[in-house]
Amino acid sequence: MTQPLDSEMFAHCAPIRPPIRIGGKWTAKIVVCLTDAPRRFSELEAVLPGITPKVLTESLRAMERDGLVTRTAFDEHPPRVEYALTPLGRTLLRPIAVACRWTRMFIRERRP
């Protein structure tokens, strides 16, 4: 018989505030899009097929709230807004690259 799980097994990593959501469907892809330079909403939308404007907006807002991206609005006409990775957001680049490499090595594309 196996030992029961310890109810305190995650106590050492309990956050002070709500946890950062890095496991969302779009978060890693948005991080990769912002690797080299700040990007506009339309640039992100163009390379993320299947994402709706509403979901992209929600994802970017959550990432900004979690400290992964910054949003800079420029006082221009027409208005221009750019999103960029923060230093915290940049710390995700290596784990994302490792996860992508692992996926290429071990996961075969599954077709119904």
PDB file of N, CA and C in Angstrom:
ATOM      1  N   MET A   1       0.846  -1.177   0.000  1.00  0.00           N
ATOM      2  CA  MET A   1       0.000   0.000   0.000  1.00  0.00           C
ATOM      3  C   MET A   1       0.894   1.244   0.000  1.00  0.00           C
ATOM      4  N   THR A   2       0.500   2.243  -0.797  1.00  0.00           N
ATOM      5  CA  THR A   2       1.298   3.468  -0.866  1.00  0.00           C
ATOM      6  C   THR A   2       0.987   4.385   0.310  1.00  0.00           C
ATOM      7  N   GLN A   3       1.952   5.227   0.594  1.00  0.00           N
ATOM      8  CA  GLN A   3       1.789   6.208   1.668  1.00  0.00           C
ATOM      9  C   GLN A   3       0.812   7.295   1.210  1.00  0.00           C
ATOM     10  N   PRO A   4      -0.003   7.825   2.092  1.00  0.00           N
ATOM     11  CA  PRO A   4      -0.876   8.945   1.701  1.00  0.00           C
ATOM     12  C   PRO A   4      -0.027  10.176   1.422  1.00  0.00           C
ATOM     13  N   LEU A   5      -0.555  11.025   0.562  1.00  0.00           N
ATOM     14  CA  LEU A   5       0.153  12.272   0.254  1.00  0.00           C
ATOM     15  C   LEU A   5       0.118  13.201   1.460  1.00  0.00           C
ATOM     16  N   ASP A   6       1.207  13.903   1.651  1.00  0.00           N
ATOM     17  CA  ASP A   6       1.322  14.869   2.746  1.00  0.00           C
ATOM     18  C   ASP A   6       0.533  16.123   2.379  1.00  0.00           C
ATOM     19  N   SER A   7      -0.404  16.527   3.212  1.00  0.00           N
ATOM     20  CA  SER A   7      -1.229  17.702   2.922  1.00  0.00           C
ATOM     21  C   SER A   7      -0.410  18.991   2.896  1.00  0.00           C
ATOM     22  N   GLU A   8       0.807  18.961   3.404  1.00  0.00           N
ATOM     23  CA  GLU A   8       1.676  20.140   3.426  1.00  0.00           C
ATOM     24  C   GLU A   8       2.768  20.069   2.358  1.00  0.00           C
ATOM     25  N   MET A   9       2.617  19.186   1.384  1.00  0.00           N
ATOM     26  CA  MET A   9       3.695  18.961   0.416  1.00  0.00           C
ATOM     27  C   MET A   9       4.044  20.200  -0.410  1.00  0.00           C
ATOM     28  N   PHE A  10       3.144  21.147  -0.540  1.00  0.00           N
ATOM     29  CA  PHE A  10       3.436  22.359  -1.306  1.00  0.00           C
ATOM     30  C   PHE A  10       3.585  23.590  -0.416  1.00  0.00           C
ATOM     31  N   ALA A  11       3.625  23.401   0.876  1.00  0.00           N
ATOM     32  CA  ALA A  11       3.688  24.527   1.813  1.00  0.00           C
ATOM     33  C   ALA A  11       4.946  25.370   1.604  1.00  0.00           C
ATOM     34  N   HIS A  12       6.048  24.740   1.241  1.00  0.00           N
ATOM     35  CA  HIS A  12       7.300  25.485   1.073  1.00  0.00           C
ATOM     36  C   HIS A  12       7.272  26.419  -0.132  1.00  0.00           C
ATOM     37  N   CYS A  13       6.337  26.216  -1.052  1.00  0.00           N
ATOM     38  CA  CYS A  13       6.283  27.079  -2.229  1.00  0.00           C
ATOM     39  C   CYS A  13       4.999  27.892  -2.279  1.00  0.00           C
ATOM     40  N   ALA A  14       4.286  27.965  -1.173  1.00  0.00           N
ATOM     41  CA  ALA A  14       3.043  28.733  -1.143  1.00  0.00           C
ATOM     42  C   ALA A  14       3.345  30.204  -1.393  1.00  0.00           C
ATOM     43  N   PRO A  15       2.659  30.798  -2.349  1.00  0.00           N
ATOM     44  CA  PRO A  15       2.918  32.211  -2.660  1.00  0.00           C
ATOM     45  C   PRO A  15       2.276  33.136  -1.644  1.00  0.00           C
ATOM     46  N   ILE A  16       2.834  34.325  -1.590  1.00  0.00           N
ATOM     47  CA  ILE A  16       2.274  35.376  -0.743  1.00  0.00           C
ATOM     48  C   ILE A  16       1.027  35.941  -1.407  1.00  0.00           C
ATOM     49  N   ARG A  17       1.057  35.999  -2.716  1.00  0.00           N
ATOM     50  CA  ARG A  17      -0.092  36.486  -3.483  1.00  0.00           C
ATOM     51  C   ARG A  17      -0.560  35.367  -4.403  1.00  0.00           C
ATOM     52  N   PRO A  18      -1.641  35.569  -5.135  1.00  0.00           N
ATOM     53  CA  PRO A  18      -2.069  34.498  -6.040  1.00  0.00           C
ATOM     54  C   PRO A  18      -0.945  34.112  -7.002  1.00  0.00           C
ATOM     55  N   PRO A  19      -0.865  32.867  -7.383  1.00  0.00           N
ATOM     56  CA  PRO A  19       0.240  32.413  -8.239  1.00  0.00           C
ATOM     57  C   PRO A  19       0.163  32.995  -9.649  1.00  0.00           C
ATOM     58  N   ILE A  20       1.314  33.053 -10.284  1.00  0.00           N
ATOM     59  CA  ILE A  20       1.393  33.493 -11.675  1.00  0.00           C
ATOM     60  C   ILE A  20       0.875  32.358 -12.539  1.00  0.00           C
ATOM     61  N   ARG A  21       0.047  32.700 -13.492  1.00  0.00           N
ATOM     62  CA  ARG A  21      -0.523  31.689 -14.382  1.00  0.00           C
ATOM     63  C   ARG A  21       0.339  31.558 -15.631  1.00  0.00           C
ATOM     64  N   ILE A  22       1.250  30.606 -15.629  1.00  0.00           N
ATOM     65  CA  ILE A  22       2.110  30.418 -16.804  1.00  0.00           C
ATOM     66  C   ILE A  22       1.687  29.217 -17.621  1.00  0.00           C
ATOM     67  N   GLY A  23       0.695  28.494 -17.146  1.00  0.00           N
ATOM     68  CA  GLY A  23       0.275  27.294 -17.847  1.00  0.00           C
ATOM     69  C   GLY A  23      -0.882  27.503 -18.790  1.00  0.00           C
ATOM     70  N   GLY A  24      -1.295  28.737 -18.993  1.00  0.00           N
ATOM     71  CA  GLY A  24      -2.399  28.995 -19.907  1.00  0.00           C
ATOM     72  C   GLY A  24      -2.032  28.626 -21.329  1.00  0.00           C
ATOM     73  N   LYS A  25      -3.048  28.424 -22.137  1.00  0.00           N
ATOM     74  CA  LYS A  25      -2.837  28.004 -23.519  1.00  0.00           C
ATOM     75  C   LYS A  25      -1.976  28.984 -24.307  1.00  0.00           C
ATOM     76  N   TRP A  26      -2.095  30.273 -24.026  1.00  0.00           N
ATOM     77  CA  TRP A  26      -1.430  31.282 -24.846  1.00  0.00           C
ATOM     78  C   TRP A  26      -0.220  31.926 -24.199  1.00  0.00           C
ATOM     79  N   THR A  27      -0.038  31.796 -22.906  1.00  0.00           N
ATOM     80  CA  THR A  27       1.022  32.530 -22.208  1.00  0.00           C
ATOM     81  C   THR A  27       2.408  32.253 -22.784  1.00  0.00           C
ATOM     82  N   ALA A  28       2.772  30.997 -22.916  1.00  0.00           N
ATOM     83  CA  ALA A  28       4.111  30.670 -23.430  1.00  0.00           C
ATOM     84  C   ALA A  28       4.299  31.195 -24.847  1.00  0.00           C
ATOM     85  N   LYS A  29       3.252  31.096 -25.661  1.00  0.00           N
ATOM     86  CA  LYS A  29       3.367  31.580 -27.039  1.00  0.00           C
ATOM     87  C   LYS A  29       3.557  33.095 -27.074  1.00  0.00           C
ATOM     88  N   ILE A  30       2.842  33.802 -26.214  1.00  0.00           N
ATOM     89  CA  ILE A  30       3.000  35.260 -26.153  1.00  0.00           C
ATOM     90  C   ILE A  30       4.404  35.614 -25.671  1.00  0.00           C
ATOM     91  N   VAL A  31       4.903  34.911 -24.675  1.00  0.00           N
ATOM     92  CA  VAL A  31       6.268  35.149 -24.190  1.00  0.00           C
ATOM     93  C   VAL A  31       7.261  34.994 -25.335  1.00  0.00           C
ATOM     94  N   VAL A  32       7.134  33.931 -26.114  1.00  0.00           N
ATOM     95  CA  VAL A  32       8.052  33.700 -27.235  1.00  0.00           C
ATOM     96  C   VAL A  32       7.929  34.822 -28.269  1.00  0.00           C
ATOM     97  N   CYS A  33       6.709  35.277 -28.535  1.00  0.00           N
ATOM     98  CA  CYS A  33       6.516  36.376 -29.497  1.00  0.00           C
ATOM     99  C   CYS A  33       7.224  37.649 -29.051  1.00  0.00           C
ATOM    100  N   LEU A  34       7.355  37.845 -27.761  1.00  0.00           N
ATOM    101  CA  LEU A  34       7.953  39.075 -27.227  1.00  0.00           C
ATOM    102  C   LEU A  34       9.444  38.933 -26.933  1.00  0.00           C
ATOM    103  N   THR A  35      10.044  37.819 -27.314  1.00  0.00           N
ATOM    104  CA  THR A  35      11.445  37.550 -27.007  1.00  0.00           C
ATOM    105  C   THR A  35      12.385  38.631 -27.520  1.00  0.00           C
ATOM    106  N   ASP A  36      12.239  39.023 -28.772  1.00  0.00           N
ATOM    107  CA  ASP A  36      13.228  39.898 -29.400  1.00  0.00           C
ATOM    108  C   ASP A  36      12.947  41.392 -29.286  1.00  0.00           C
ATOM    109  N   ALA A  37      11.674  41.744 -29.140  1.00  0.00           N
ATOM    110  CA  ALA A  37      11.338  43.167 -29.138  1.00  0.00           C
ATOM    111  C   ALA A  37       9.906  43.356 -28.660  1.00  0.00           C
ATOM    112  N   PRO A  38       9.587  44.578 -28.240  1.00  0.00           N
ATOM    113  CA  PRO A  38       8.189  44.867 -27.931  1.00  0.00           C
ATOM    114  C   PRO A  38       7.343  44.701 -29.189  1.00  0.00           C
ATOM    115  N   ARG A  39       6.084  44.324 -28.986  1.00  0.00           N
ATOM    116  CA  ARG A  39       5.182  44.091 -30.117  1.00  0.00           C
ATOM    117  C   ARG A  39       3.845  44.761 -29.869  1.00  0.00           C
ATOM    118  N   ARG A  40       3.194  45.122 -30.968  1.00  0.00           N
ATOM    119  CA  ARG A  40       1.850  45.669 -30.906  1.00  0.00           C
ATOM    120  C   ARG A  40       0.843  44.528 -30.867  1.00  0.00           C
ATOM    121  N   PHE A  41      -0.352  44.852 -30.389  1.00  0.00           N
ATOM    122  CA  PHE A  41      -1.438  43.876 -30.293  1.00  0.00           C
ATOM    123  C   PHE A  41      -1.660  43.186 -31.639  1.00  0.00           C
ATOM    124  N   SER A  42      -1.731  43.955 -32.701  1.00  0.00           N
ATOM    125  CA  SER A  42      -2.003  43.392 -34.035  1.00  0.00           C
ATOM    126  C   SER A  42      -0.897  42.445 -34.492  1.00  0.00           C
ATOM    127  N   GLU A  43       0.349  42.718 -34.107  1.00  0.00           N
ATOM    128  CA  GLU A  43       1.445  41.817 -34.459  1.00  0.00           C
ATOM    129  C   GLU A  43       1.279  40.473 -33.761  1.00  0.00           C
ATOM    130  N   LEU A  44       0.901  40.519 -32.488  1.00  0.00           N
ATOM    131  CA  LEU A  44       0.699  39.287 -31.732  1.00  0.00           C
ATOM    132  C   LEU A  44      -0.483  38.509 -32.299  1.00  0.00           C
ATOM    133  N   GLU A  45      -1.556  39.201 -32.564  1.00  0.00           N
ATOM    134  CA  GLU A  45      -2.764  38.566 -33.088  1.00  0.00           C
ATOM    135  C   GLU A  45      -2.487  37.863 -34.423  1.00  0.00           C
ATOM    136  N   ALA A  46      -1.643  38.465 -35.251  1.00  0.00           N
ATOM    137  CA  ALA A  46      -1.362  37.919 -36.581  1.00  0.00           C
ATOM    138  C   ALA A  46      -0.617  36.589 -36.539  1.00  0.00           C
ATOM    139  N   VAL A  47       0.197  36.368 -35.519  1.00  0.00           N
ATOM    140  CA  VAL A  47       1.005  35.136 -35.482  1.00  0.00           C
ATOM    141  C   VAL A  47       0.446  34.093 -34.509  1.00  0.00           C
ATOM    142  N   LEU A  48      -0.708  34.375 -33.928  1.00  0.00           N
ATOM    143  CA  LEU A  48      -1.339  33.431 -33.004  1.00  0.00           C
ATOM    144  C   LEU A  48      -2.692  33.007 -33.570  1.00  0.00           C
ATOM    145  N   PRO A  49      -2.671  32.156 -34.608  1.00  0.00           N
ATOM    146  CA  PRO A  49      -3.936  31.752 -35.217  1.00  0.00           C
ATOM    147  C   PRO A  49      -4.821  31.031 -34.202  1.00  0.00           C
ATOM    148  N   GLY A  50      -6.081  31.386 -34.232  1.00  0.00           N
ATOM    149  CA  GLY A  50      -7.024  30.749 -33.334  1.00  0.00           C
ATOM    150  C   GLY A  50      -7.323  31.568 -32.087  1.00  0.00           C
ATOM    151  N   ILE A  51      -6.496  32.562 -31.792  1.00  0.00           N
ATOM    152  CA  ILE A  51      -6.760  33.390 -30.605  1.00  0.00           C
ATOM    153  C   ILE A  51      -7.742  34.501 -31.005  1.00  0.00           C
ATOM    154  N   THR A  52      -8.690  34.757 -30.160  1.00  0.00           N
ATOM    155  CA  THR A  52      -9.632  35.847 -30.420  1.00  0.00           C
ATOM    156  C   THR A  52      -9.084  37.122 -29.789  1.00  0.00           C
ATOM    157  N   PRO A  53      -9.514  38.275 -30.278  1.00  0.00           N
ATOM    158  CA  PRO A  53      -9.058  39.526 -29.652  1.00  0.00           C
ATOM    159  C   PRO A  53      -9.380  39.568 -28.158  1.00  0.00           C
ATOM    160  N   LYS A  54     -10.536  39.052 -27.781  1.00  0.00           N
ATOM    161  CA  LYS A  54     -10.919  39.048 -26.366  1.00  0.00           C
ATOM    162  C   LYS A  54      -9.947  38.216 -25.532  1.00  0.00           C
ATOM    163  N   VAL A  55      -9.606  37.026 -26.014  1.00  0.00           N
ATOM    164  CA  VAL A  55      -8.706  36.143 -25.272  1.00  0.00           C
ATOM    165  C   VAL A  55      -7.291  36.728 -25.238  1.00  0.00           C
ATOM    166  N   LEU A  56      -6.855  37.329 -26.329  1.00  0.00           N
ATOM    167  CA  LEU A  56      -5.528  37.955 -26.333  1.00  0.00           C
ATOM    168  C   LEU A  56      -5.494  39.098 -25.327  1.00  0.00           C
ATOM    169  N   THR A  57      -6.529  39.901 -25.305  1.00  0.00           N
ATOM    170  CA  THR A  57      -6.614  41.005 -24.338  1.00  0.00           C
ATOM    171  C   THR A  57      -6.575  40.470 -22.913  1.00  0.00           C
ATOM    172  N   GLU A  58      -7.390  39.451 -22.628  1.00  0.00           N
ATOM    173  CA  GLU A  58      -7.417  38.868 -21.285  1.00  0.00           C
ATOM    174  C   GLU A  58      -6.065  38.288 -20.897  1.00  0.00           C
ATOM    175  N   SER A  59      -5.412  37.613 -21.839  1.00  0.00           N
ATOM    176  CA  SER A  59      -4.104  37.010 -21.571  1.00  0.00           C
ATOM    177  C   SER A  59      -3.067  38.083 -21.269  1.00  0.00           C
ATOM    178  N   LEU A  60      -3.034  39.128 -22.089  1.00  0.00           N
ATOM    179  CA  LEU A  60      -2.066  40.205 -21.881  1.00  0.00           C
ATOM    180  C   LEU A  60      -2.321  40.929 -20.561  1.00  0.00           C
ATOM    181  N   ARG A  61      -3.573  41.151 -20.221  1.00  0.00           N
ATOM    182  CA  ARG A  61      -3.889  41.804 -18.940  1.00  0.00           C
ATOM    183  C   ARG A  61      -3.440  40.950 -17.762  1.00  0.00           C
ATOM    184  N   ALA A  62      -3.696  39.634 -17.835  1.00  0.00           N
ATOM    185  CA  ALA A  62      -3.269  38.740 -16.753  1.00  0.00           C
ATOM    186  C   ALA A  62      -1.749  38.706 -16.659  1.00  0.00           C
ATOM    187  N   MET A  63      -1.077  38.671 -17.803  1.00  0.00           N
ATOM    188  CA  MET A  63       0.381  38.649 -17.794  1.00  0.00           C
ATOM    189  C   MET A  63       0.945  39.959 -17.252  1.00  0.00           C
ATOM    190  N   GLU A  64       0.290  41.069 -17.564  1.00  0.00           N
ATOM    191  CA  GLU A  64       0.721  42.361 -17.018  1.00  0.00           C
ATOM    192  C   GLU A  64       0.498  42.391 -15.505  1.00  0.00           C
ATOM    193  N   ARG A  65      -0.654  41.918 -15.065  1.00  0.00           N
ATOM    194  CA  ARG A  65      -0.961  41.878 -13.631  1.00  0.00           C
ATOM    195  C   ARG A  65       0.046  40.999 -12.877  1.00  0.00           C
ATOM    196  N   ASP A  66       0.483  39.903 -13.519  1.00  0.00           N
ATOM    197  CA  ASP A  66       1.436  38.990 -12.895  1.00  0.00           C
ATOM    198  C   ASP A  66       2.877  39.464 -13.019  1.00  0.00           C
ATOM    199  N   GLY A  67       3.102  40.568 -13.711  1.00  0.00           N
ATOM    200  CA  GLY A  67       4.449  41.118 -13.823  1.00  0.00           C
ATOM    201  C   GLY A  67       5.294  40.518 -14.923  1.00  0.00           C
ATOM    202  N   LEU A  68       4.662  39.818 -15.876  1.00  0.00           N
ATOM    203  CA  LEU A  68       5.416  39.183 -16.960  1.00  0.00           C
ATOM    204  C   LEU A  68       5.621  40.109 -18.149  1.00  0.00           C
ATOM    205  N   VAL A  69       4.689  41.027 -18.378  1.00  0.00           N
ATOM    206  CA  VAL A  69       4.799  41.972 -19.493  1.00  0.00           C
ATOM    207  C   VAL A  69       4.478  43.381 -19.007  1.00  0.00           C
ATOM    208  N   THR A  70       4.980  44.339 -19.764  1.00  0.00           N
ATOM    209  CA  THR A  70       4.603  45.730 -19.552  1.00  0.00           C
ATOM    210  C   THR A  70       3.806  46.189 -20.765  1.00  0.00           C
ATOM    211  N   ARG A  71       2.920  47.117 -20.517  1.00  0.00           N
ATOM    212  CA  ARG A  71       2.105  47.718 -21.572  1.00  0.00           C
ATOM    213  C   ARG A  71       2.469  49.189 -21.617  1.00  0.00           C
ATOM    214  N   THR A  72       2.916  49.653 -22.788  1.00  0.00           N
ATOM    215  CA  THR A  72       3.292  51.052 -22.945  1.00  0.00           C
ATOM    216  C   THR A  72       2.386  51.690 -23.987  1.00  0.00           C
ATOM    217  N   ALA A  73       1.653  52.709 -23.572  1.00  0.00           N
ATOM    218  CA  ALA A  73       0.789  53.455 -24.484  1.00  0.00           C
ATOM    219  C   ALA A  73       1.512  54.732 -24.892  1.00  0.00           C
ATOM    220  N   PHE A  74       1.600  54.965 -26.189  1.00  0.00           N
ATOM    221  CA  PHE A  74       2.271  56.147 -26.721  1.00  0.00           C
ATOM    222  C   PHE A  74       1.228  57.197 -27.080  1.00  0.00           C
ATOM    223  N   ASP A  75       1.521  58.447 -26.762  1.00  0.00           N
ATOM    224  CA  ASP A  75       0.604  59.545 -27.026  1.00  0.00           C
ATOM    225  C   ASP A  75       0.752  59.969 -28.489  1.00  0.00           C
ATOM    226  N   GLU A  76       0.154  59.195 -29.363  1.00  0.00           N
ATOM    227  CA  GLU A  76       0.233  59.442 -30.800  1.00  0.00           C
ATOM    228  C   GLU A  76      -1.171  59.353 -31.388  1.00  0.00           C
ATOM    229  N   HIS A  77      -1.282  59.805 -32.619  1.00  0.00           N
ATOM    230  CA  HIS A  77      -2.550  59.643 -33.319  1.00  0.00           C
ATOM    231  C   HIS A  77      -2.288  58.921 -34.623  1.00  0.00           C
ATOM    232  N   PRO A  78      -2.803  57.740 -34.852  1.00  0.00           N
ATOM    233  CA  PRO A  78      -3.656  56.981 -33.935  1.00  0.00           C
ATOM    234  C   PRO A  78      -2.845  56.442 -32.752  1.00  0.00           C
ATOM    235  N   PRO A  79      -3.533  56.115 -31.654  1.00  0.00           N
ATOM    236  CA  PRO A  79      -2.835  55.614 -30.468  1.00  0.00           C
ATOM    237  C   PRO A  79      -2.042  54.345 -30.785  1.00  0.00           C
ATOM    238  N   ARG A  80      -0.908  54.226 -30.119  1.00  0.00           N
ATOM    239  CA  ARG A  80      -0.061  53.035 -30.295  1.00  0.00           C
ATOM    240  C   ARG A  80       0.221  52.463 -28.923  1.00  0.00           C
ATOM    241  N   VAL A  81       0.084  51.127 -28.811  1.00  0.00           N
ATOM    242  CA  VAL A  81       0.364  50.417 -27.567  1.00  0.00           C
ATOM    243  C   VAL A  81       1.303  49.271 -27.887  1.00  0.00           C
ATOM    244  N   GLU A  82       2.326  49.104 -27.065  1.00  0.00           N
ATOM    245  CA  GLU A  82       3.266  48.001 -27.239  1.00  0.00           C
ATOM    246  C   GLU A  82       3.360  47.193 -25.956  1.00  0.00           C
ATOM    247  N   TYR A  83       3.605  45.908 -26.126  1.00  0.00           N
ATOM    248  CA  TYR A  83       3.794  44.990 -25.009  1.00  0.00           C
ATOM    249  C   TYR A  83       5.221  44.476 -25.061  1.00  0.00           C
ATOM    250  N   ALA A  84       5.849  44.380 -23.892  1.00  0.00           N
ATOM    251  CA  ALA A  84       7.239  43.907 -23.806  1.00  0.00           C
ATOM    252  C   ALA A  84       7.385  43.001 -22.596  1.00  0.00           C
ATOM    253  N   LEU A  85       8.339  42.094 -22.680  1.00  0.00           N
ATOM    254  CA  LEU A  85       8.635  41.231 -21.538  1.00  0.00           C
ATOM    255  C   LEU A  85       9.333  42.025 -20.450  1.00  0.00           C
ATOM    256  N   THR A  86       9.006  41.727 -19.225  1.00  0.00           N
ATOM    257  CA  THR A  86       9.726  42.277 -18.075  1.00  0.00           C
ATOM    258  C   THR A  86      10.890  41.336 -17.772  1.00  0.00           C
ATOM    259  N   PRO A  87      11.790  41.716 -16.888  1.00  0.00           N
ATOM    260  CA  PRO A  87      12.841  40.781 -16.480  1.00  0.00           C
ATOM    261  C   PRO A  87      12.252  39.464 -15.933  1.00  0.00           C
ATOM    262  N   LEU A  88      11.156  39.554 -15.187  1.00  0.00           N
ATOM    263  CA  LEU A  88      10.513  38.333 -14.707  1.00  0.00           C
ATOM    264  C   LEU A  88       9.994  37.498 -15.872  1.00  0.00           C
ATOM    265  N   GLY A  89       9.378  38.136 -16.839  1.00  0.00           N
ATOM    266  CA  GLY A  89       8.894  37.423 -18.021  1.00  0.00           C
ATOM    267  C   GLY A  89      10.020  36.738 -18.778  1.00  0.00           C
ATOM    268  N   ARG A  90      11.182  37.395 -18.838  1.00  0.00           N
ATOM    269  CA  ARG A  90      12.345  36.801 -19.532  1.00  0.00           C
ATOM    270  C   ARG A  90      12.838  35.533 -18.852  1.00  0.00           C
ATOM    271  N   THR A  91      12.584  35.392 -17.558  1.00  0.00           N
ATOM    272  CA  THR A  91      13.029  34.169 -16.878  1.00  0.00           C
ATOM    273  C   THR A  91      12.272  32.950 -17.372  1.00  0.00           C
ATOM    274  N   LEU A  92      11.180  33.136 -18.088  1.00  0.00           N
ATOM    275  CA  LEU A  92      10.416  32.009 -18.628  1.00  0.00           C
ATOM    276  C   LEU A  92      10.977  31.484 -19.946  1.00  0.00           C
ATOM    277  N   LEU A  93      11.863  32.230 -20.580  1.00  0.00           N
ATOM    278  CA  LEU A  93      12.359  31.829 -21.895  1.00  0.00           C
ATOM    279  C   LEU A  93      13.078  30.478 -21.865  1.00  0.00           C
ATOM    280  N   ARG A  94      13.939  30.266 -20.906  1.00  0.00           N
ATOM    281  CA  ARG A  94      14.670  28.997 -20.838  1.00  0.00           C
ATOM    282  C   ARG A  94      13.731  27.824 -20.546  1.00  0.00           C
ATOM    283  N   PRO A  95      12.857  27.898 -19.520  1.00  0.00           N
ATOM    284  CA  PRO A  95      11.936  26.768 -19.299  1.00  0.00           C
ATOM    285  C   PRO A  95      11.037  26.486 -20.501  1.00  0.00           C
ATOM    286  N   ILE A  96      10.607  27.526 -21.207  1.00  0.00           N
ATOM    287  CA  ILE A  96       9.782  27.311 -22.396  1.00  0.00           C
ATOM    288  C   ILE A  96      10.588  26.601 -23.470  1.00  0.00           C
ATOM    289  N   ALA A  97      11.834  27.009 -23.663  1.00  0.00           N
ATOM    290  CA  ALA A  97      12.683  26.345 -24.663  1.00  0.00           C
ATOM    291  C   ALA A  97      12.897  24.875 -24.312  1.00  0.00           C
ATOM    292  N   VAL A  98      13.106  24.592 -23.035  1.00  0.00           N
ATOM    293  CA  VAL A  98      13.285  23.199 -22.597  1.00  0.00           C
ATOM    294  C   VAL A  98      12.014  22.399 -22.857  1.00  0.00           C
ATOM    295  N   ALA A  99      10.857  22.979 -22.534  1.00  0.00           N
ATOM    296  CA  ALA A  99       9.586  22.279 -22.759  1.00  0.00           C
ATOM    297  C   ALA A  99       9.364  22.023 -24.247  1.00  0.00           C
ATOM    298  N   CYS A 100       9.714  22.975 -25.095  1.00  0.00           N
ATOM    299  CA  CYS A 100       9.577  22.782 -26.545  1.00  0.00           C
ATOM    300  C   CYS A 100      10.504  21.675 -27.039  1.00  0.00           C
ATOM    301  N   ARG A 101      11.729  21.673 -26.553  1.00  0.00           N
ATOM    302  CA  ARG A 101      12.690  20.643 -26.943  1.00  0.00           C
ATOM    303  C   ARG A 101      12.189  19.266 -26.503  1.00  0.00           C
ATOM    304  N   TRP A 102      11.685  19.164 -25.273  1.00  0.00           N
ATOM    305  CA  TRP A 102      11.152  17.899 -24.752  1.00  0.00           C
ATOM    306  C   TRP A 102       9.978  17.427 -25.619  1.00  0.00           C
ATOM    307  N   THR A 103       9.114  18.360 -25.992  1.00  0.00           N
ATOM    308  CA  THR A 103       7.960  18.015 -26.814  1.00  0.00           C
ATOM    309  C   THR A 103       8.400  17.472 -28.168  1.00  0.00           C
ATOM    310  N   ARG A 104       9.373  18.135 -28.789  1.00  0.00           N
ATOM    311  CA  ARG A 104       9.871  17.654 -30.085  1.00  0.00           C
ATOM    312  C   ARG A 104      10.468  16.259 -29.967  1.00  0.00           C
ATOM    313  N   MET A 105      11.124  15.969 -28.854  1.00  0.00           N
ATOM    314  CA  MET A 105      11.789  14.678 -28.678  1.00  0.00           C
ATOM    315  C   MET A 105      10.817  13.543 -28.363  1.00  0.00           C
ATOM    316  N   PHE A 106       9.783  13.815 -27.585  1.00  0.00           N
ATOM    317  CA  PHE A 106       8.986  12.725 -27.039  1.00  0.00           C
ATOM    318  C   PHE A 106       7.516  12.695 -27.435  1.00  0.00           C
ATOM    319  N   ILE A 107       6.997  13.758 -27.963  1.00  0.00           N
ATOM    320  CA  ILE A 107       5.576  13.780 -28.301  1.00  0.00           C
ATOM    321  C   ILE A 107       5.434  13.780 -29.811  1.00  0.00           C
ATOM    322  N   ARG A 108       4.772  12.796 -30.297  1.00  0.00           N
ATOM    323  CA  ARG A 108       4.484  12.716 -31.722  1.00  0.00           C
ATOM    324  C   ARG A 108       3.138  13.392 -31.961  1.00  0.00           C
ATOM    325  N   GLU A 109       3.010  14.030 -33.102  1.00  0.00           N
ATOM    326  CA  GLU A 109       1.733  14.673 -33.387  1.00  0.00           C
ATOM    327  C   GLU A 109       0.653  13.602 -33.424  1.00  0.00           C
ATOM    328  N   ARG A 110      -0.406  13.868 -32.727  1.00  0.00           N
ATOM    329  CA  ARG A 110      -1.507  12.909 -32.638  1.00  0.00           C
ATOM    330  C   ARG A 110      -2.632  13.355 -33.542  1.00  0.00           C
ATOM    331  N   ARG A 111      -3.059  12.445 -34.388  1.00  0.00           N
ATOM    332  CA  ARG A 111      -4.186  12.735 -35.274  1.00  0.00           C
ATOM    333  C   ARG A 111      -5.283  11.724 -35.000  1.00  0.00           C
ATOM    334  N   PRO A 112      -6.530  12.188 -34.996  1.00  0.00           N
ATOM    335  CA  PRO A 112      -7.656  11.254 -34.750  1.00  0.00           C
ATOM    336  C   PRO A 112      -7.807  10.230 -35.852  1.00  0.00           C
TER     337      PRO A 112
END
